[in-house]
């Protein structure tokens, strides 16, 4: 009887364990152009849109500024622009689905071009999908020495069959006067599949309670 109970409950137990496991994304930090910050890139492997010649992928680019060291502690610094290149053939229109402070604070559609000390430049060829802040404000500001994260969800349209997870990323940081601070991030990174949401502890507890109740029910049924 105990074997039968275990066989009945095994799928639920495995589901509980699976849901409790967090997904981990690749993060880079400590690189020559990282300025002490850390950077994470994830993607959804299923295109959000496609047609005969193109596919559009959802990517999340996150900057964690804790540890930023290109300016004195207490300085106000702004994330001026970011760029991602998951393909040698990025197409227009690529867009922002979400961004710090809302997409209206950033160039949207994305600028297909390069990211230099002068922020995003629209050009053709082997280009980045670039998002540039329309201004410097509280939405893209952080104080050196404090924790903070900034995340962009980019819908990047590429030529069919050209998407790759071996990506290049860029980022520019400015001071309050609009002058570039530290190095212009230019780094290779391998994107990870976007993490699966982990259930809240309360949800896991409720599921566990239901599981115990189901076990007791099946045990009574089998003992009859």
N, C-alpha and C. Protein backbone atom coordinates (compact mmCIF):
# COMPACT_ATOMS: atom_id res chain seq x y z
N UNK A 1 0.83 -1.21 0.00
CA UNK A 1 0.00 0.00 0.00
C UNK A 1 0.87 1.26 0.00
N UNK A 2 1.95 1.25 0.77
CA UNK A 2 2.82 2.42 0.81
C UNK A 2 3.46 2.67 -0.55
N UNK A 3 3.76 1.55 -1.26
CA UNK A 3 4.33 1.70 -2.59
C UNK A 3 3.33 2.37 -3.53
N UNK A 4 2.07 2.00 -3.42
CA UNK A 4 1.04 2.59 -4.28
C UNK A 4 0.87 4.07 -3.97
N UNK A 5 0.92 4.43 -2.70
CA UNK A 5 0.81 5.84 -2.31
C UNK A 5 1.98 6.64 -2.91
N UNK A 6 3.20 6.07 -2.77
CA UNK A 6 4.37 6.78 -3.27
C UNK A 6 4.28 6.97 -4.78
N UNK A 7 3.77 5.93 -5.47
CA UNK A 7 3.66 6.03 -6.91
C UNK A 7 2.66 7.10 -7.32
N UNK A 8 1.59 7.24 -6.54
CA UNK A 8 0.59 8.25 -6.86
C UNK A 8 1.09 9.66 -6.60
N UNK A 9 1.90 9.81 -5.56
CA UNK A 9 2.33 11.15 -5.17
C UNK A 9 3.64 11.57 -5.83
N UNK A 10 4.37 10.64 -6.42
CA UNK A 10 5.68 10.97 -6.98
C UNK A 10 5.64 12.12 -7.98
N UNK A 11 4.69 12.16 -8.94
CA UNK A 11 4.68 13.28 -9.90
C UNK A 11 4.51 14.63 -9.22
N UNK A 12 3.65 14.68 -8.19
CA UNK A 12 3.43 15.95 -7.49
C UNK A 12 4.67 16.38 -6.74
N UNK A 13 5.38 15.42 -6.12
CA UNK A 13 6.60 15.74 -5.39
C UNK A 13 7.65 16.28 -6.35
N UNK A 14 7.80 15.62 -7.49
CA UNK A 14 8.77 16.10 -8.48
C UNK A 14 8.43 17.49 -8.98
N UNK A 15 7.12 17.76 -9.18
CA UNK A 15 6.69 19.08 -9.63
C UNK A 15 7.05 20.14 -8.61
N UNK A 16 6.84 19.82 -7.33
CA UNK A 16 7.17 20.76 -6.26
C UNK A 16 8.65 21.07 -6.25
N UNK A 17 9.47 20.03 -6.37
CA UNK A 17 10.91 20.24 -6.34
C UNK A 17 11.37 21.05 -7.54
N UNK A 18 10.80 20.76 -8.71
CA UNK A 18 11.17 21.48 -9.93
C UNK A 18 10.83 22.95 -9.83
N UNK A 19 9.63 23.25 -9.32
CA UNK A 19 9.20 24.66 -9.22
C UNK A 19 10.05 25.44 -8.24
N UNK A 20 10.64 24.75 -7.26
CA UNK A 20 11.39 25.45 -6.23
C UNK A 20 12.82 25.75 -6.67
N UNK A 21 13.25 25.17 -7.82
CA UNK A 21 14.61 25.39 -8.28
C UNK A 21 14.71 26.70 -9.06
N UNK A 22 15.57 27.64 -8.63
CA UNK A 22 15.71 28.89 -9.37
C UNK A 22 16.54 28.68 -10.63
N UNK A 23 16.27 29.49 -11.65
CA UNK A 23 17.08 29.47 -12.86
C UNK A 23 18.17 30.52 -12.72
N UNK A 24 19.33 30.24 -13.25
CA UNK A 24 20.47 31.14 -13.10
C UNK A 24 20.91 31.63 -14.48
N UNK A 25 21.09 32.93 -14.60
CA UNK A 25 21.53 33.51 -15.87
C UNK A 25 23.02 33.83 -15.79
N UNK A 26 23.70 33.77 -16.95
CA UNK A 26 25.10 34.16 -17.00
C UNK A 26 25.22 35.65 -16.73
N UNK A 27 26.20 36.02 -15.90
CA UNK A 27 26.43 37.42 -15.55
C UNK A 27 27.91 37.71 -15.73
N UNK A 28 28.23 38.87 -16.29
CA UNK A 28 29.64 39.27 -16.39
C UNK A 28 29.90 40.43 -15.46
N UNK A 29 31.09 40.42 -14.87
CA UNK A 29 31.54 41.52 -14.02
C UNK A 29 33.07 41.43 -13.97
N UNK A 30 33.69 42.48 -13.52
CA UNK A 30 35.14 42.45 -13.40
C UNK A 30 35.89 42.55 -14.71
N UNK A 31 35.18 42.81 -15.81
CA UNK A 31 35.86 42.94 -17.10
C UNK A 31 36.53 44.32 -17.21
N UNK A 32 37.37 44.48 -18.20
CA UNK A 32 38.15 45.72 -18.33
C UNK A 32 37.27 46.94 -18.53
N UNK A 33 36.07 46.76 -19.12
CA UNK A 33 35.20 47.92 -19.39
C UNK A 33 33.91 47.89 -18.56
N UNK A 34 33.86 47.03 -17.54
CA UNK A 34 32.63 46.88 -16.75
C UNK A 34 32.41 48.00 -15.73
N UNK A 35 33.46 48.75 -15.40
CA UNK A 35 33.36 49.85 -14.42
C UNK A 35 32.86 49.37 -13.05
N UNK A 36 33.08 48.09 -12.74
CA UNK A 36 32.67 47.56 -11.44
C UNK A 36 31.23 47.10 -11.38
N UNK A 37 30.43 47.40 -12.41
CA UNK A 37 29.04 46.95 -12.45
C UNK A 37 28.98 45.52 -13.00
N UNK A 38 27.80 44.91 -12.95
CA UNK A 38 27.62 43.58 -13.51
C UNK A 38 26.46 43.60 -14.50
N UNK A 39 26.52 42.70 -15.47
CA UNK A 39 25.60 42.75 -16.61
C UNK A 39 25.07 41.34 -16.90
N UNK A 40 23.76 41.26 -17.14
CA UNK A 40 23.12 39.97 -17.40
C UNK A 40 22.26 40.10 -18.66
N UNK A 41 22.29 39.07 -19.49
CA UNK A 41 21.49 39.05 -20.71
C UNK A 41 20.76 37.71 -20.80
N UNK A 42 19.43 37.76 -20.93
CA UNK A 42 18.63 36.55 -21.08
C UNK A 42 17.72 36.70 -22.29
N UNK A 43 17.16 35.58 -22.75
CA UNK A 43 16.32 35.63 -23.94
C UNK A 43 15.26 34.54 -23.88
N UNK A 44 14.20 34.75 -24.64
CA UNK A 44 13.18 33.73 -24.84
C UNK A 44 13.50 33.01 -26.15
N UNK A 45 13.75 31.69 -26.12
CA UNK A 45 14.15 31.00 -27.35
C UNK A 45 13.05 30.89 -28.39
N UNK A 46 11.79 31.16 -27.99
CA UNK A 46 10.68 31.14 -28.94
C UNK A 46 10.44 32.54 -29.46
N UNK A 47 10.54 32.78 -30.77
CA UNK A 47 10.33 34.13 -31.30
C UNK A 47 8.95 34.67 -30.93
N UNK A 48 8.88 35.96 -30.63
CA UNK A 48 7.59 36.58 -30.34
C UNK A 48 6.85 36.94 -31.62
N UNK A 49 7.57 36.94 -32.75
CA UNK A 49 6.96 37.20 -34.05
C UNK A 49 7.89 36.68 -35.13
N UNK A 50 7.32 36.33 -36.28
CA UNK A 50 8.15 35.88 -37.39
C UNK A 50 7.39 36.06 -38.70
N UNK A 51 8.14 36.18 -39.79
CA UNK A 51 7.54 36.19 -41.13
C UNK A 51 8.50 35.45 -42.06
N UNK A 52 8.33 35.62 -43.34
CA UNK A 52 9.10 34.83 -44.30
C UNK A 52 10.60 35.11 -44.23
N UNK A 53 10.99 36.31 -43.79
CA UNK A 53 12.40 36.69 -43.83
C UNK A 53 12.99 37.10 -42.49
N UNK A 54 12.16 37.15 -41.43
CA UNK A 54 12.67 37.66 -40.16
C UNK A 54 12.04 36.95 -38.97
N UNK A 55 12.72 37.08 -37.83
CA UNK A 55 12.21 36.61 -36.55
C UNK A 55 12.50 37.68 -35.51
N UNK A 56 11.59 37.83 -34.55
CA UNK A 56 11.76 38.81 -33.47
C UNK A 56 11.88 38.08 -32.14
N UNK A 57 12.97 38.36 -31.42
CA UNK A 57 13.24 37.70 -30.15
C UNK A 57 13.15 38.69 -28.99
N UNK A 58 12.64 38.19 -27.86
CA UNK A 58 12.56 38.98 -26.64
C UNK A 58 13.81 38.75 -25.82
N UNK A 59 14.52 39.86 -25.49
CA UNK A 59 15.74 39.77 -24.70
C UNK A 59 15.64 40.72 -23.51
N UNK A 60 16.19 40.31 -22.39
CA UNK A 60 16.24 41.14 -21.19
C UNK A 60 17.70 41.46 -20.87
N UNK A 61 17.98 42.74 -20.77
CA UNK A 61 19.33 43.22 -20.48
C UNK A 61 19.26 43.93 -19.12
N UNK A 62 20.03 43.45 -18.14
CA UNK A 62 20.00 44.01 -16.79
C UNK A 62 21.39 44.48 -16.37
N UNK A 63 21.44 45.68 -15.80
CA UNK A 63 22.67 46.22 -15.23
C UNK A 63 22.49 46.36 -13.72
N UNK A 64 23.38 45.74 -12.97
CA UNK A 64 23.42 45.91 -11.51
C UNK A 64 24.58 46.85 -11.20
N UNK A 65 24.27 48.03 -10.67
CA UNK A 65 25.29 49.07 -10.53
C UNK A 65 26.01 49.03 -9.18
N UNK A 66 25.63 48.11 -8.29
CA UNK A 66 26.35 47.98 -7.03
C UNK A 66 27.80 47.58 -7.35
N UNK A 67 28.73 48.36 -6.88
CA UNK A 67 30.14 48.12 -7.19
C UNK A 67 30.68 49.04 -8.26
N UNK A 68 29.82 49.87 -8.86
CA UNK A 68 30.29 50.82 -9.88
C UNK A 68 31.43 51.66 -9.29
N UNK A 69 32.55 51.73 -10.01
CA UNK A 69 33.74 52.36 -9.44
C UNK A 69 34.40 53.40 -10.34
N UNK A 70 33.67 53.88 -11.35
CA UNK A 70 34.26 54.84 -12.29
C UNK A 70 34.03 56.28 -11.87
N UNK A 71 33.46 56.49 -10.68
CA UNK A 71 33.24 57.84 -10.14
C UNK A 71 33.26 57.75 -8.62
N UNK A 72 33.52 58.85 -7.93
CA UNK A 72 33.58 58.81 -6.46
C UNK A 72 32.26 58.38 -5.83
N UNK A 73 32.34 57.75 -4.69
CA UNK A 73 31.15 57.36 -3.94
C UNK A 73 30.28 58.58 -3.67
N UNK A 74 28.99 58.44 -3.86
CA UNK A 74 28.06 59.54 -3.65
C UNK A 74 27.75 60.33 -4.91
N UNK A 75 28.49 60.08 -5.98
CA UNK A 75 28.25 60.79 -7.24
C UNK A 75 26.95 60.32 -7.89
N UNK A 76 26.27 61.23 -8.55
CA UNK A 76 25.09 60.87 -9.34
C UNK A 76 25.54 60.52 -10.76
N UNK A 77 25.19 59.30 -11.18
CA UNK A 77 25.57 58.82 -12.50
C UNK A 77 24.30 58.36 -13.23
N UNK A 78 24.32 58.43 -14.53
CA UNK A 78 23.14 58.10 -15.34
C UNK A 78 23.50 57.05 -16.38
N UNK A 79 22.60 56.10 -16.59
CA UNK A 79 22.76 55.15 -17.69
C UNK A 79 22.23 55.85 -18.94
N UNK A 80 23.15 56.22 -19.83
CA UNK A 80 22.77 57.01 -21.01
C UNK A 80 22.25 56.14 -22.15
N UNK A 81 22.89 54.98 -22.38
CA UNK A 81 22.49 54.16 -23.53
C UNK A 81 22.98 52.73 -23.34
N UNK A 82 22.28 51.80 -23.97
CA UNK A 82 22.70 50.40 -23.97
C UNK A 82 22.54 49.85 -25.39
N UNK A 83 23.32 48.83 -25.69
CA UNK A 83 23.23 48.21 -27.00
C UNK A 83 23.41 46.71 -26.91
N UNK A 84 22.73 45.97 -27.79
CA UNK A 84 22.82 44.51 -27.85
C UNK A 84 22.97 44.09 -29.30
N UNK A 85 23.83 43.10 -29.57
CA UNK A 85 23.99 42.60 -30.93
C UNK A 85 23.91 41.07 -30.94
N UNK A 86 22.69 40.52 -31.05
CA UNK A 86 22.54 39.06 -31.11
C UNK A 86 22.53 38.53 -32.54
N UNK A 87 22.87 39.36 -33.49
CA UNK A 87 22.83 38.96 -34.90
C UNK A 87 23.68 39.92 -35.72
N UNK A 88 24.18 39.42 -36.84
CA UNK A 88 24.88 40.30 -37.79
C UNK A 88 23.91 40.97 -38.74
N UNK A 89 22.61 40.68 -38.55
CA UNK A 89 21.59 41.24 -39.45
C UNK A 89 20.38 41.69 -38.62
N UNK A 90 20.55 42.78 -37.86
CA UNK A 90 19.44 43.34 -37.07
C UNK A 90 18.60 44.23 -37.98
N UNK A 91 17.30 44.05 -37.90
CA UNK A 91 16.39 44.73 -38.81
C UNK A 91 15.51 45.74 -38.08
N UNK A 92 15.02 46.71 -38.80
CA UNK A 92 14.00 47.64 -38.30
C UNK A 92 12.63 47.07 -38.64
N UNK A 93 11.59 47.30 -37.82
CA UNK A 93 11.73 47.94 -36.53
C UNK A 93 12.01 46.93 -35.42
N UNK A 94 13.04 47.21 -34.62
CA UNK A 94 13.24 46.54 -33.33
C UNK A 94 12.78 47.53 -32.28
N UNK A 95 12.16 47.03 -31.21
CA UNK A 95 11.50 47.94 -30.28
C UNK A 95 11.80 47.60 -28.82
N UNK A 96 11.43 48.52 -27.95
CA UNK A 96 11.48 48.29 -26.51
C UNK A 96 10.09 47.87 -26.02
N UNK A 97 10.04 46.79 -25.25
CA UNK A 97 8.78 46.38 -24.63
C UNK A 97 8.66 46.98 -23.24
N UNK A 98 9.78 47.17 -22.56
CA UNK A 98 9.80 47.86 -21.27
C UNK A 98 11.20 48.40 -21.04
N UNK A 99 11.29 49.42 -20.18
CA UNK A 99 12.57 50.06 -19.92
C UNK A 99 12.47 50.84 -18.61
N UNK A 100 13.59 51.18 -18.00
CA UNK A 100 13.55 51.97 -16.76
C UNK A 100 12.77 53.27 -16.97
N UNK A 101 11.77 53.49 -16.14
CA UNK A 101 10.97 54.70 -16.23
C UNK A 101 9.93 54.68 -17.33
N UNK A 102 9.87 53.59 -18.10
CA UNK A 102 8.91 53.51 -19.21
C UNK A 102 9.59 53.73 -20.54
N UNK A 103 9.05 53.12 -21.58
CA UNK A 103 9.69 53.19 -22.90
C UNK A 103 9.68 54.60 -23.49
N UNK A 104 8.79 55.47 -23.02
CA UNK A 104 8.74 56.83 -23.56
C UNK A 104 9.98 57.63 -23.21
N UNK A 105 10.76 57.17 -22.22
CA UNK A 105 11.99 57.85 -21.84
C UNK A 105 13.19 57.43 -22.68
N UNK A 106 12.97 56.52 -23.63
CA UNK A 106 14.07 55.96 -24.40
C UNK A 106 13.74 55.98 -25.89
N UNK A 107 14.76 55.89 -26.71
CA UNK A 107 14.54 55.81 -28.15
C UNK A 107 13.77 54.53 -28.45
N UNK A 108 12.64 54.70 -29.10
CA UNK A 108 11.78 53.56 -29.41
C UNK A 108 10.96 53.90 -30.66
N UNK A 109 11.15 53.22 -31.79
CA UNK A 109 11.93 52.00 -31.99
C UNK A 109 13.41 52.17 -31.65
N UNK A 110 14.07 51.02 -31.47
CA UNK A 110 15.49 51.03 -31.18
C UNK A 110 16.26 51.60 -32.37
N UNK A 111 17.41 52.17 -32.07
CA UNK A 111 18.28 52.69 -33.11
C UNK A 111 19.18 51.55 -33.60
N UNK A 112 19.09 51.25 -34.87
CA UNK A 112 19.93 50.20 -35.46
C UNK A 112 21.23 50.85 -35.91
N UNK A 113 22.28 50.63 -35.12
CA UNK A 113 23.53 51.30 -35.43
C UNK A 113 24.62 50.96 -34.43
N UNK A 114 25.39 51.96 -34.03
CA UNK A 114 26.51 51.76 -33.13
C UNK A 114 26.31 52.55 -31.85
N UNK A 115 27.08 52.22 -30.83
CA UNK A 115 27.07 52.95 -29.57
C UNK A 115 28.50 53.37 -29.27
N UNK A 116 28.71 54.67 -29.23
CA UNK A 116 30.03 55.22 -28.98
C UNK A 116 29.93 56.24 -27.85
N UNK A 117 30.97 57.02 -27.66
CA UNK A 117 30.96 58.04 -26.61
C UNK A 117 29.88 59.08 -26.84
N UNK A 118 29.38 59.17 -28.06
CA UNK A 118 28.30 60.10 -28.37
C UNK A 118 26.93 59.41 -28.37
N UNK A 119 26.86 58.28 -27.68
CA UNK A 119 25.64 57.48 -27.56
C UNK A 119 25.30 56.81 -28.88
N UNK A 120 24.01 56.56 -29.15
CA UNK A 120 23.61 55.76 -30.31
C UNK A 120 23.74 56.55 -31.61
N UNK A 121 24.26 55.88 -32.62
CA UNK A 121 24.36 56.46 -33.95
C UNK A 121 23.68 55.53 -34.94
N UNK A 122 22.75 56.08 -35.71
CA UNK A 122 22.00 55.28 -36.67
C UNK A 122 22.86 55.02 -37.90
N UNK A 123 23.12 53.74 -38.18
CA UNK A 123 23.84 53.38 -39.40
C UNK A 123 23.44 51.98 -39.80
N UNK A 124 23.98 51.53 -40.90
CA UNK A 124 23.62 50.22 -41.41
C UNK A 124 24.79 49.27 -41.26
N UNK A 125 24.59 48.02 -41.68
CA UNK A 125 25.67 47.05 -41.62
C UNK A 125 25.61 46.20 -40.37
N UNK A 126 26.78 45.82 -39.88
CA UNK A 126 26.90 44.92 -38.73
C UNK A 126 26.62 45.70 -37.45
N UNK A 127 25.33 45.91 -37.15
CA UNK A 127 24.93 46.92 -36.18
C UNK A 127 24.41 46.32 -34.87
N UNK A 128 24.27 47.21 -33.88
CA UNK A 128 23.65 46.90 -32.60
C UNK A 128 22.20 47.39 -32.60
N UNK A 129 21.39 46.80 -31.73
CA UNK A 129 20.08 47.37 -31.39
C UNK A 129 20.33 48.25 -30.18
N UNK A 130 20.19 49.56 -30.35
CA UNK A 130 20.63 50.53 -29.36
C UNK A 130 19.45 51.31 -28.78
N UNK A 131 19.43 51.44 -27.46
CA UNK A 131 18.41 52.24 -26.78
C UNK A 131 19.10 53.39 -26.06
N UNK A 132 18.67 54.62 -26.34
CA UNK A 132 19.28 55.81 -25.77
C UNK A 132 18.26 56.59 -24.96
N UNK A 133 18.66 57.04 -23.77
CA UNK A 133 17.77 57.85 -22.95
C UNK A 133 17.52 59.19 -23.61
N UNK A 134 16.27 59.64 -23.55
CA UNK A 134 15.92 60.94 -24.13
C UNK A 134 16.38 62.10 -23.25
N UNK A 135 16.69 61.81 -22.00
CA UNK A 135 17.13 62.85 -21.06
C UNK A 135 17.84 62.16 -19.90
N UNK A 136 18.35 62.95 -18.98
CA UNK A 136 18.92 62.44 -17.75
C UNK A 136 17.94 62.77 -16.63
N UNK A 137 17.45 61.73 -15.94
CA UNK A 137 16.45 61.97 -14.89
C UNK A 137 16.50 60.88 -13.84
N UNK A 138 15.50 60.89 -12.99
CA UNK A 138 15.47 59.91 -11.90
C UNK A 138 15.33 58.48 -12.42
N UNK A 139 14.77 58.31 -13.61
CA UNK A 139 14.54 56.97 -14.16
C UNK A 139 15.83 56.24 -14.53
N UNK A 140 16.89 56.98 -14.87
CA UNK A 140 18.14 56.33 -15.25
C UNK A 140 19.31 56.75 -14.35
N UNK A 141 19.00 57.31 -13.20
CA UNK A 141 20.01 57.81 -12.27
C UNK A 141 20.29 56.80 -11.16
N UNK A 142 21.56 56.74 -10.74
CA UNK A 142 21.92 55.99 -9.54
C UNK A 142 23.03 56.73 -8.81
N UNK A 143 23.20 56.42 -7.55
CA UNK A 143 24.23 57.04 -6.72
C UNK A 143 25.33 56.01 -6.49
N UNK A 144 26.55 56.36 -6.83
CA UNK A 144 27.68 55.44 -6.69
C UNK A 144 27.81 55.01 -5.23
N UNK A 145 27.89 53.72 -5.02
CA UNK A 145 27.97 53.16 -3.67
C UNK A 145 26.67 52.55 -3.21
N UNK A 146 25.57 52.93 -3.87
CA UNK A 146 24.26 52.36 -3.53
C UNK A 146 23.91 51.22 -4.49
N UNK A 147 23.02 50.35 -4.04
CA UNK A 147 22.56 49.27 -4.91
C UNK A 147 21.52 49.79 -5.88
N UNK A 148 21.36 49.10 -6.97
CA UNK A 148 20.34 49.47 -7.96
C UNK A 148 20.46 48.62 -9.20
N UNK A 149 19.34 48.35 -9.84
CA UNK A 149 19.34 47.59 -11.09
C UNK A 149 18.48 48.30 -12.12
N UNK A 150 18.87 48.14 -13.37
CA UNK A 150 18.13 48.68 -14.51
C UNK A 150 17.92 47.54 -15.51
N UNK A 151 16.68 47.37 -15.97
CA UNK A 151 16.37 46.28 -16.89
C UNK A 151 15.59 46.79 -18.10
N UNK A 152 16.01 46.34 -19.27
CA UNK A 152 15.32 46.64 -20.53
C UNK A 152 14.84 45.33 -21.15
N UNK A 153 13.62 45.33 -21.67
CA UNK A 153 13.12 44.21 -22.45
C UNK A 153 13.08 44.67 -23.91
N UNK A 154 13.96 44.09 -24.71
CA UNK A 154 14.09 44.49 -26.11
C UNK A 154 13.48 43.42 -27.01
N UNK A 155 12.67 43.85 -27.96
CA UNK A 155 12.17 42.97 -29.01
C UNK A 155 13.04 43.22 -30.24
N UNK A 156 13.99 42.32 -30.49
CA UNK A 156 14.98 42.54 -31.53
C UNK A 156 14.63 41.69 -32.76
N UNK A 157 14.43 42.37 -33.87
CA UNK A 157 14.07 41.71 -35.13
C UNK A 157 15.34 41.44 -35.93
N UNK A 158 15.51 40.18 -36.33
CA UNK A 158 16.73 39.79 -37.06
C UNK A 158 16.34 39.00 -38.30
N UNK A 159 17.29 38.89 -39.23
CA UNK A 159 17.07 38.06 -40.40
C UNK A 159 16.91 36.61 -40.00
N UNK A 160 16.04 35.89 -40.63
CA UNK A 160 15.77 34.50 -40.28
C UNK A 160 17.05 33.68 -40.24
N UNK A 161 17.20 32.93 -39.16
CA UNK A 161 18.35 32.04 -39.03
C UNK A 161 19.64 32.70 -38.60
N UNK A 162 19.60 34.00 -38.24
CA UNK A 162 20.83 34.70 -37.88
C UNK A 162 20.97 34.95 -36.38
N UNK A 163 19.94 34.64 -35.61
CA UNK A 163 19.99 34.89 -34.17
C UNK A 163 21.02 33.97 -33.52
N UNK A 164 21.81 34.53 -32.60
CA UNK A 164 22.79 33.75 -31.86
C UNK A 164 22.81 34.21 -30.41
N UNK A 165 23.11 33.28 -29.50
CA UNK A 165 23.17 33.63 -28.08
C UNK A 165 24.57 34.09 -27.67
N UNK A 166 25.53 34.04 -28.59
CA UNK A 166 26.86 34.59 -28.33
C UNK A 166 26.83 36.06 -28.72
N UNK A 167 26.48 36.89 -27.75
CA UNK A 167 26.14 38.29 -28.02
C UNK A 167 27.25 39.25 -27.60
N UNK A 168 27.18 40.43 -28.19
CA UNK A 168 27.96 41.57 -27.71
C UNK A 168 27.01 42.56 -27.06
N UNK A 169 27.45 43.18 -25.97
CA UNK A 169 26.65 44.21 -25.32
C UNK A 169 27.50 45.46 -25.10
N UNK A 170 26.81 46.60 -25.04
CA UNK A 170 27.47 47.87 -24.77
C UNK A 170 26.64 48.66 -23.76
N UNK A 171 27.28 49.62 -23.11
CA UNK A 171 26.58 50.53 -22.20
C UNK A 171 27.42 51.78 -22.01
N UNK A 172 26.74 52.92 -21.91
CA UNK A 172 27.41 54.19 -21.65
C UNK A 172 26.84 54.81 -20.38
N UNK A 173 27.74 55.31 -19.52
CA UNK A 173 27.36 56.01 -18.30
C UNK A 173 27.80 57.47 -18.41
N UNK A 174 26.93 58.39 -17.99
CA UNK A 174 27.21 59.83 -18.06
C UNK A 174 27.11 60.47 -16.67
N UNK A 175 27.76 61.62 -16.53
CA UNK A 175 27.55 62.42 -15.32
C UNK A 175 26.40 63.39 -15.56
N UNK A 176 26.12 64.25 -14.58
CA UNK A 176 24.98 65.15 -14.67
C UNK A 176 25.12 66.18 -15.79
N UNK A 177 26.34 66.36 -16.29
CA UNK A 177 26.58 67.30 -17.38
C UNK A 177 26.55 66.62 -18.75
N UNK A 178 26.24 65.34 -18.76
CA UNK A 178 26.18 64.61 -20.02
C UNK A 178 27.51 64.15 -20.54
N UNK A 179 28.54 64.17 -19.69
CA UNK A 179 29.86 63.70 -20.10
C UNK A 179 30.02 62.22 -19.77
N UNK A 180 30.61 61.47 -20.68
CA UNK A 180 30.81 60.04 -20.44
C UNK A 180 31.70 59.83 -19.22
N UNK A 181 31.31 58.84 -18.40
CA UNK A 181 32.07 58.50 -17.20
C UNK A 181 32.60 57.08 -17.35
N UNK A 182 33.88 56.89 -17.06
CA UNK A 182 34.46 55.55 -17.11
C UNK A 182 34.56 55.04 -18.53
N UNK A 183 34.70 53.73 -18.65
CA UNK A 183 34.83 53.10 -19.96
C UNK A 183 33.47 52.88 -20.61
N UNK A 184 33.43 52.95 -21.91
CA UNK A 184 32.25 52.52 -22.65
C UNK A 184 32.26 51.00 -22.63
N UNK A 185 31.25 50.40 -21.98
CA UNK A 185 31.21 48.94 -21.93
C UNK A 185 31.18 48.37 -23.35
N UNK A 186 32.06 47.45 -23.62
CA UNK A 186 32.04 46.72 -24.88
C UNK A 186 32.52 45.32 -24.56
N UNK A 187 31.59 44.40 -24.46
CA UNK A 187 31.90 43.09 -23.91
C UNK A 187 31.10 42.00 -24.59
N UNK A 188 31.73 40.85 -24.77
CA UNK A 188 31.01 39.67 -25.26
C UNK A 188 30.34 38.97 -24.08
N UNK A 189 29.16 38.41 -24.33
CA UNK A 189 28.42 37.70 -23.29
C UNK A 189 27.59 36.63 -23.97
N UNK A 190 27.41 35.51 -23.29
CA UNK A 190 26.53 34.46 -23.79
C UNK A 190 25.19 34.58 -23.09
N UNK A 191 24.14 34.80 -23.85
CA UNK A 191 22.81 34.96 -23.26
C UNK A 191 22.30 33.63 -22.73
N UNK A 192 21.53 33.70 -21.64
CA UNK A 192 20.90 32.52 -21.05
C UNK A 192 19.41 32.56 -21.31
N UNK A 193 18.78 31.39 -21.28
CA UNK A 193 17.33 31.34 -21.40
C UNK A 193 16.72 32.05 -20.21
N UNK A 194 15.71 32.88 -20.46
CA UNK A 194 15.09 33.68 -19.40
C UNK A 194 14.63 32.78 -18.26
N UNK A 195 14.92 33.16 -17.00
CA UNK A 195 14.56 32.32 -15.86
C UNK A 195 13.06 32.09 -15.75
N UNK A 196 12.69 30.89 -15.29
CA UNK A 196 11.30 30.58 -15.00
C UNK A 196 10.98 31.15 -13.63
N UNK A 197 9.86 31.89 -13.47
CA UNK A 197 9.53 32.47 -12.16
C UNK A 197 9.50 31.41 -11.07
N UNK A 198 10.07 31.73 -9.92
CA UNK A 198 10.08 30.82 -8.78
C UNK A 198 8.87 31.13 -7.90
N UNK A 199 8.08 30.12 -7.49
CA UNK A 199 6.91 30.39 -6.66
C UNK A 199 7.28 31.09 -5.37
N UNK A 200 6.40 31.98 -4.91
CA UNK A 200 6.59 32.63 -3.62
C UNK A 200 6.56 31.57 -2.53
N UNK A 201 7.29 31.80 -1.39
CA UNK A 201 7.29 30.82 -0.30
C UNK A 201 5.89 30.44 0.17
N UNK A 202 4.98 31.41 0.21
CA UNK A 202 3.63 31.11 0.65
C UNK A 202 2.94 30.15 -0.31
N UNK A 203 3.19 30.31 -1.60
CA UNK A 203 2.59 29.42 -2.59
C UNK A 203 3.13 28.01 -2.45
N UNK A 204 4.45 27.91 -2.20
CA UNK A 204 5.05 26.60 -2.01
C UNK A 204 4.46 25.93 -0.77
N UNK A 205 4.28 26.72 0.31
CA UNK A 205 3.71 26.18 1.54
C UNK A 205 2.30 25.66 1.30
N UNK A 206 1.49 26.44 0.59
CA UNK A 206 0.12 26.02 0.29
C UNK A 206 0.11 24.74 -0.54
N UNK A 207 1.02 24.68 -1.52
CA UNK A 207 1.09 23.49 -2.37
C UNK A 207 1.48 22.28 -1.53
N UNK A 208 2.45 22.47 -0.62
CA UNK A 208 2.88 21.38 0.24
C UNK A 208 1.77 20.90 1.14
N UNK A 209 0.98 21.85 1.68
CA UNK A 209 -0.15 21.48 2.53
C UNK A 209 -1.17 20.67 1.75
N UNK A 210 -1.45 21.11 0.52
CA UNK A 210 -2.39 20.37 -0.32
C UNK A 210 -1.86 18.98 -0.63
N UNK A 211 -0.55 18.88 -0.82
CA UNK A 211 0.07 17.60 -1.11
C UNK A 211 -0.09 16.64 0.05
N UNK A 212 0.12 17.15 1.27
CA UNK A 212 -0.05 16.31 2.47
C UNK A 212 -1.49 15.85 2.60
N UNK A 213 -2.41 16.79 2.33
CA UNK A 213 -3.82 16.42 2.39
C UNK A 213 -4.18 15.35 1.37
N UNK A 214 -3.63 15.49 0.15
CA UNK A 214 -3.89 14.49 -0.88
C UNK A 214 -3.33 13.14 -0.47
N UNK A 215 -2.15 13.15 0.17
CA UNK A 215 -1.56 11.90 0.63
C UNK A 215 -2.44 11.21 1.66
N UNK A 216 -2.97 11.98 2.60
CA UNK A 216 -3.84 11.41 3.62
C UNK A 216 -5.11 10.83 3.01
N UNK A 217 -5.64 11.54 2.00
CA UNK A 217 -6.86 11.06 1.33
C UNK A 217 -6.62 9.72 0.65
N UNK A 218 -5.53 9.66 -0.13
CA UNK A 218 -5.25 8.41 -0.84
C UNK A 218 -4.96 7.27 0.13
N UNK A 219 -4.33 7.58 1.25
CA UNK A 219 -4.02 6.53 2.23
C UNK A 219 -5.29 5.96 2.83
N UNK A 220 -6.25 6.84 3.14
CA UNK A 220 -7.54 6.35 3.67
C UNK A 220 -8.26 5.49 2.66
N UNK A 221 -8.20 5.93 1.37
CA UNK A 221 -8.87 5.14 0.32
C UNK A 221 -8.26 3.75 0.20
N UNK A 222 -6.93 3.69 0.29
CA UNK A 222 -6.26 2.40 0.10
C UNK A 222 -6.40 1.49 1.30
N UNK A 223 -6.63 2.05 2.48
CA UNK A 223 -6.78 1.24 3.69
C UNK A 223 -8.18 0.70 3.86
N UNK A 224 -9.13 1.17 3.05
CA UNK A 224 -10.51 0.68 3.19
C UNK A 224 -10.63 -0.78 2.74
